[in-house]
Amino acid sequence: MGEFEQLVLLAVLRLDNRAYGMGIREEIERRTGRDVSYGAVYATLDRLQRKGFVRFDMGEATPERGGRARKYFGVEAPGREALRSTRTALAVMWDGVSI
């Protein structure tokens, strides 16, 4: 799993599985100090969905959004397991390394 995929999954988890594109982008920017584009977030969410790592639910359409519904994302069990495996693998690789 790539670094940005990890960041997106972690942001969705931090946002309590009621995450939407702009919220995910803001969470990553706030915590990492990196500039993140909406396109990168949505492309990654699409890829994570195809892998079975995230799901989405449609919210209610609102006048503020021009009558469009917001798409809310949540992390599925395989996504949680992928994060755990990645964290473990990285910890093993970093053990004993000093830079």
N, C-alpha and C. Protein backbone atom coordinates (compact mmCIF):
# COMPACT_ATOMS: atom_id res chain seq x y z
N MET A 1 0.85 -1.17 0.00
CA MET A 1 0.00 0.00 0.00
C MET A 1 0.90 1.23 0.00
N GLY A 2 0.58 2.19 -0.85
CA GLY A 2 1.37 3.40 -0.96
C GLY A 2 1.17 4.35 0.21
N GLU A 3 2.12 5.25 0.36
CA GLU A 3 2.06 6.21 1.47
C GLU A 3 0.79 7.06 1.44
N PHE A 4 0.42 7.56 0.26
CA PHE A 4 -0.75 8.42 0.20
C PHE A 4 -2.02 7.63 0.48
N GLU A 5 -2.06 6.37 0.04
CA GLU A 5 -3.21 5.52 0.38
C GLU A 5 -3.32 5.37 1.89
N GLN A 6 -2.19 5.20 2.56
CA GLN A 6 -2.20 5.12 4.02
C GLN A 6 -2.75 6.40 4.64
N LEU A 7 -2.28 7.54 4.14
CA LEU A 7 -2.73 8.82 4.68
C LEU A 7 -4.24 9.00 4.51
N VAL A 8 -4.75 8.62 3.35
CA VAL A 8 -6.19 8.76 3.10
C VAL A 8 -6.97 7.84 4.03
N LEU A 9 -6.57 6.58 4.16
CA LEU A 9 -7.27 5.66 5.06
C LEU A 9 -7.24 6.16 6.50
N LEU A 10 -6.09 6.64 6.94
CA LEU A 10 -5.98 7.16 8.30
C LEU A 10 -6.85 8.39 8.50
N ALA A 11 -6.93 9.25 7.51
CA ALA A 11 -7.80 10.43 7.61
C ALA A 11 -9.26 10.01 7.72
N VAL A 12 -9.67 9.03 6.92
CA VAL A 12 -11.05 8.54 7.00
C VAL A 12 -11.33 7.99 8.39
N LEU A 13 -10.41 7.22 8.94
CA LEU A 13 -10.59 6.69 10.30
C LEU A 13 -10.67 7.81 11.33
N ARG A 14 -9.80 8.80 11.21
CA ARG A 14 -9.81 9.92 12.15
C ARG A 14 -11.10 10.72 12.07
N LEU A 15 -11.71 10.73 10.91
CA LEU A 15 -12.96 11.47 10.72
C LEU A 15 -14.17 10.59 11.03
N ASP A 16 -13.92 9.51 11.73
CA ASP A 16 -15.00 8.66 12.26
C ASP A 16 -15.82 7.97 11.19
N ASN A 17 -15.20 7.60 10.10
CA ASN A 17 -15.89 6.90 9.03
C ASN A 17 -17.07 7.66 8.45
N ARG A 18 -17.11 8.97 8.63
CA ARG A 18 -18.11 9.85 7.98
C ARG A 18 -17.33 10.92 7.23
N ALA A 19 -16.32 10.48 6.53
CA ALA A 19 -15.41 11.39 5.85
C ALA A 19 -15.88 11.68 4.44
N TYR A 20 -15.65 12.89 4.00
CA TYR A 20 -15.94 13.27 2.61
C TYR A 20 -14.70 13.95 2.06
N GLY A 21 -14.66 14.13 0.75
CA GLY A 21 -13.45 14.58 0.07
C GLY A 21 -12.74 15.76 0.68
N MET A 22 -13.47 16.86 0.88
CA MET A 22 -12.83 18.07 1.40
C MET A 22 -12.32 17.84 2.82
N GLY A 23 -13.09 17.14 3.64
CA GLY A 23 -12.66 16.86 5.01
C GLY A 23 -11.40 16.02 5.05
N ILE A 24 -11.32 15.03 4.16
CA ILE A 24 -10.13 14.18 4.09
C ILE A 24 -8.93 15.01 3.68
N ARG A 25 -9.10 15.83 2.67
CA ARG A 25 -8.02 16.70 2.20
C ARG A 25 -7.53 17.61 3.32
N GLU A 26 -8.45 18.25 4.03
CA GLU A 26 -8.08 19.16 5.11
C GLU A 26 -7.39 18.42 6.26
N GLU A 27 -7.85 17.23 6.58
CA GLU A 27 -7.24 16.44 7.66
C GLU A 27 -5.79 16.10 7.31
N ILE A 28 -5.56 15.67 6.10
CA ILE A 28 -4.19 15.33 5.68
C ILE A 28 -3.31 16.58 5.68
N GLU A 29 -3.81 17.68 5.13
CA GLU A 29 -3.02 18.92 5.10
C GLU A 29 -2.70 19.41 6.50
N ARG A 30 -3.68 19.37 7.39
CA ARG A 30 -3.47 19.87 8.76
C ARG A 30 -2.44 19.02 9.51
N ARG A 31 -2.50 17.72 9.34
CA ARG A 31 -1.63 16.84 10.11
C ARG A 31 -0.24 16.67 9.50
N THR A 32 -0.12 16.80 8.17
CA THR A 32 1.18 16.57 7.53
C THR A 32 1.86 17.84 7.05
N GLY A 33 1.10 18.92 6.89
CA GLY A 33 1.66 20.15 6.35
C GLY A 33 1.86 20.10 4.85
N ARG A 34 1.37 19.07 4.20
CA ARG A 34 1.50 18.93 2.75
C ARG A 34 0.30 19.53 2.05
N ASP A 35 0.53 20.08 0.86
CA ASP A 35 -0.57 20.51 0.00
C ASP A 35 -1.11 19.27 -0.71
N VAL A 36 -2.42 19.12 -0.66
CA VAL A 36 -3.06 17.94 -1.25
C VAL A 36 -4.16 18.42 -2.19
N SER A 37 -4.21 17.88 -3.38
CA SER A 37 -5.26 18.26 -4.33
C SER A 37 -6.49 17.36 -4.16
N TYR A 38 -7.64 17.93 -4.51
CA TYR A 38 -8.87 17.13 -4.48
C TYR A 38 -8.74 15.94 -5.43
N GLY A 39 -8.14 16.18 -6.58
CA GLY A 39 -7.99 15.11 -7.56
C GLY A 39 -7.22 13.93 -7.01
N ALA A 40 -6.15 14.21 -6.26
CA ALA A 40 -5.36 13.13 -5.66
C ALA A 40 -6.18 12.36 -4.64
N VAL A 41 -6.97 13.08 -3.84
CA VAL A 41 -7.81 12.43 -2.83
C VAL A 41 -8.84 11.53 -3.50
N TYR A 42 -9.57 12.06 -4.48
CA TYR A 42 -10.63 11.28 -5.12
C TYR A 42 -10.08 10.12 -5.94
N ALA A 43 -8.95 10.30 -6.61
CA ALA A 43 -8.34 9.19 -7.35
C ALA A 43 -7.93 8.08 -6.39
N THR A 44 -7.40 8.46 -5.24
CA THR A 44 -6.99 7.48 -4.24
C THR A 44 -8.19 6.78 -3.63
N LEU A 45 -9.25 7.53 -3.32
CA LEU A 45 -10.46 6.91 -2.79
C LEU A 45 -11.05 5.91 -3.79
N ASP A 46 -11.01 6.26 -5.06
CA ASP A 46 -11.51 5.35 -6.09
C ASP A 46 -10.69 4.06 -6.12
N ARG A 47 -9.38 4.20 -6.06
CA ARG A 47 -8.49 3.03 -6.05
C ARG A 47 -8.72 2.18 -4.79
N LEU A 48 -8.87 2.83 -3.63
CA LEU A 48 -9.11 2.11 -2.39
C LEU A 48 -10.45 1.39 -2.41
N GLN A 49 -11.42 2.00 -3.05
CA GLN A 49 -12.73 1.36 -3.17
C GLN A 49 -12.63 0.10 -4.04
N ARG A 50 -11.91 0.19 -5.15
CA ARG A 50 -11.74 -0.97 -6.03
C ARG A 50 -11.01 -2.11 -5.31
N LYS A 51 -10.13 -1.77 -4.37
CA LYS A 51 -9.42 -2.78 -3.58
C LYS A 51 -10.29 -3.35 -2.46
N GLY A 52 -11.44 -2.75 -2.21
CA GLY A 52 -12.31 -3.21 -1.13
C GLY A 52 -11.94 -2.64 0.22
N PHE A 53 -11.11 -1.58 0.24
CA PHE A 53 -10.64 -0.99 1.49
C PHE A 53 -11.58 0.08 2.04
N VAL A 54 -12.33 0.73 1.18
CA VAL A 54 -13.30 1.75 1.63
C VAL A 54 -14.65 1.50 0.97
N ARG A 55 -15.67 2.02 1.59
CA ARG A 55 -17.02 2.01 1.04
C ARG A 55 -17.51 3.45 1.07
N PHE A 56 -18.59 3.72 0.38
CA PHE A 56 -19.18 5.05 0.50
C PHE A 56 -20.68 4.95 0.61
N ASP A 57 -21.25 5.94 1.26
CA ASP A 57 -22.70 6.11 1.39
C ASP A 57 -23.02 7.51 0.92
N MET A 58 -24.14 7.66 0.28
CA MET A 58 -24.58 8.98 -0.16
C MET A 58 -25.38 9.65 0.95
N GLY A 59 -25.03 10.91 1.24
CA GLY A 59 -25.79 11.70 2.19
C GLY A 59 -26.99 12.32 1.49
N GLU A 60 -27.67 13.17 2.21
CA GLU A 60 -28.82 13.88 1.65
C GLU A 60 -28.36 15.01 0.73
N ALA A 61 -29.13 15.26 -0.29
CA ALA A 61 -28.86 16.41 -1.16
C ALA A 61 -29.16 17.68 -0.37
N THR A 62 -28.33 18.69 -0.54
CA THR A 62 -28.52 19.94 0.19
C THR A 62 -28.49 21.13 -0.76
N PRO A 63 -29.24 22.18 -0.41
CA PRO A 63 -29.22 23.39 -1.25
C PRO A 63 -27.83 24.01 -1.33
N GLU A 64 -27.03 23.91 -0.23
CA GLU A 64 -25.69 24.49 -0.22
C GLU A 64 -24.79 23.85 -1.28
N ARG A 65 -25.10 22.62 -1.64
CA ARG A 65 -24.30 21.90 -2.63
C ARG A 65 -25.01 21.86 -3.98
N GLY A 66 -25.92 22.78 -4.18
CA GLY A 66 -26.63 22.85 -5.46
C GLY A 66 -27.53 21.65 -5.70
N GLY A 67 -28.04 21.08 -4.60
CA GLY A 67 -28.92 19.93 -4.72
C GLY A 67 -28.21 18.59 -4.85
N ARG A 68 -26.88 18.63 -4.77
CA ARG A 68 -26.11 17.38 -4.87
C ARG A 68 -25.94 16.76 -3.49
N ALA A 69 -25.83 15.45 -3.47
CA ALA A 69 -25.59 14.73 -2.23
C ALA A 69 -24.08 14.61 -1.99
N ARG A 70 -23.70 14.58 -0.73
CA ARG A 70 -22.30 14.40 -0.36
C ARG A 70 -22.03 12.90 -0.26
N LYS A 71 -20.85 12.49 -0.68
CA LYS A 71 -20.43 11.09 -0.62
C LYS A 71 -19.58 10.92 0.64
N TYR A 72 -20.02 10.06 1.56
CA TYR A 72 -19.29 9.80 2.80
C TYR A 72 -18.56 8.46 2.69
N PHE A 73 -17.31 8.46 3.14
CA PHE A 73 -16.48 7.26 3.05
C PHE A 73 -16.22 6.66 4.43
N GLY A 74 -16.07 5.35 4.46
CA GLY A 74 -15.72 4.62 5.67
C GLY A 74 -14.72 3.53 5.31
N VAL A 75 -13.93 3.12 6.28
CA VAL A 75 -12.91 2.09 6.06
C VAL A 75 -13.53 0.72 6.36
N GLU A 76 -13.35 -0.20 5.43
CA GLU A 76 -13.83 -1.57 5.58
C GLU A 76 -12.77 -2.42 6.30
N ALA A 77 -13.14 -3.61 6.76
CA ALA A 77 -12.22 -4.50 7.47
C ALA A 77 -10.93 -4.78 6.69
N PRO A 78 -10.99 -5.05 5.38
CA PRO A 78 -9.72 -5.27 4.66
C PRO A 78 -8.80 -4.03 4.66
N GLY A 79 -9.38 -2.85 4.68
CA GLY A 79 -8.59 -1.63 4.75
C GLY A 79 -7.89 -1.49 6.09
N ARG A 80 -8.62 -1.83 7.16
CA ARG A 80 -8.01 -1.80 8.51
C ARG A 80 -6.86 -2.81 8.59
N GLU A 81 -7.09 -4.00 8.06
CA GLU A 81 -6.06 -5.03 8.09
C GLU A 81 -4.85 -4.62 7.26
N ALA A 82 -5.06 -4.00 6.12
CA ALA A 82 -3.94 -3.53 5.30
C ALA A 82 -3.12 -2.48 6.05
N LEU A 83 -3.80 -1.59 6.77
CA LEU A 83 -3.08 -0.59 7.56
C LEU A 83 -2.27 -1.25 8.67
N ARG A 84 -2.87 -2.21 9.36
CA ARG A 84 -2.14 -2.92 10.43
C ARG A 84 -0.90 -3.61 9.87
N SER A 85 -1.07 -4.31 8.76
CA SER A 85 0.06 -5.03 8.15
C SER A 85 1.17 -4.08 7.73
N THR A 86 0.78 -2.96 7.14
CA THR A 86 1.77 -1.97 6.71
C THR A 86 2.51 -1.38 7.90
N ARG A 87 1.76 -1.05 8.96
CA ARG A 87 2.39 -0.50 10.16
C ARG A 87 3.39 -1.49 10.75
N THR A 88 3.02 -2.76 10.81
CA THR A 88 3.90 -3.79 11.35
C THR A 88 5.15 -3.95 10.49
N ALA A 89 4.97 -4.01 9.18
CA ALA A 89 6.11 -4.18 8.27
C ALA A 89 7.07 -3.00 8.38
N LEU A 90 6.53 -1.80 8.45
CA LEU A 90 7.39 -0.61 8.57
C LEU A 90 8.14 -0.60 9.91
N ALA A 91 7.47 -0.99 10.98
CA ALA A 91 8.12 -1.03 12.30
C ALA A 91 9.29 -2.01 12.28
N VAL A 92 9.11 -3.17 11.66
CA VAL A 92 10.17 -4.16 11.56
C VAL A 92 11.34 -3.62 10.74
N MET A 93 11.03 -2.97 9.64
CA MET A 93 12.09 -2.43 8.79
C MET A 93 12.85 -1.29 9.47
N TRP A 94 12.15 -0.46 10.25
CA TRP A 94 12.79 0.67 10.92
C TRP A 94 13.57 0.23 12.17
N ASP A 95 13.25 -0.91 12.73
CA ASP A 95 13.90 -1.36 13.96
C ASP A 95 15.41 -1.46 13.75
N GLY A 96 16.15 -0.74 14.54
CA GLY A 96 17.60 -0.77 14.48
C GLY A 96 18.22 0.17 13.46
N VAL A 97 17.40 0.89 12.73
CA VAL A 97 17.92 1.83 11.73
C VAL A 97 18.03 3.21 12.37
N SER A 98 19.17 3.83 12.19
CA SER A 98 19.31 5.22 12.65
C SER A 98 19.73 6.07 11.46
N ILE A 99 19.06 7.20 11.33
CA ILE A 99 19.41 8.10 10.24
C ILE A 99 19.62 9.50 10.78
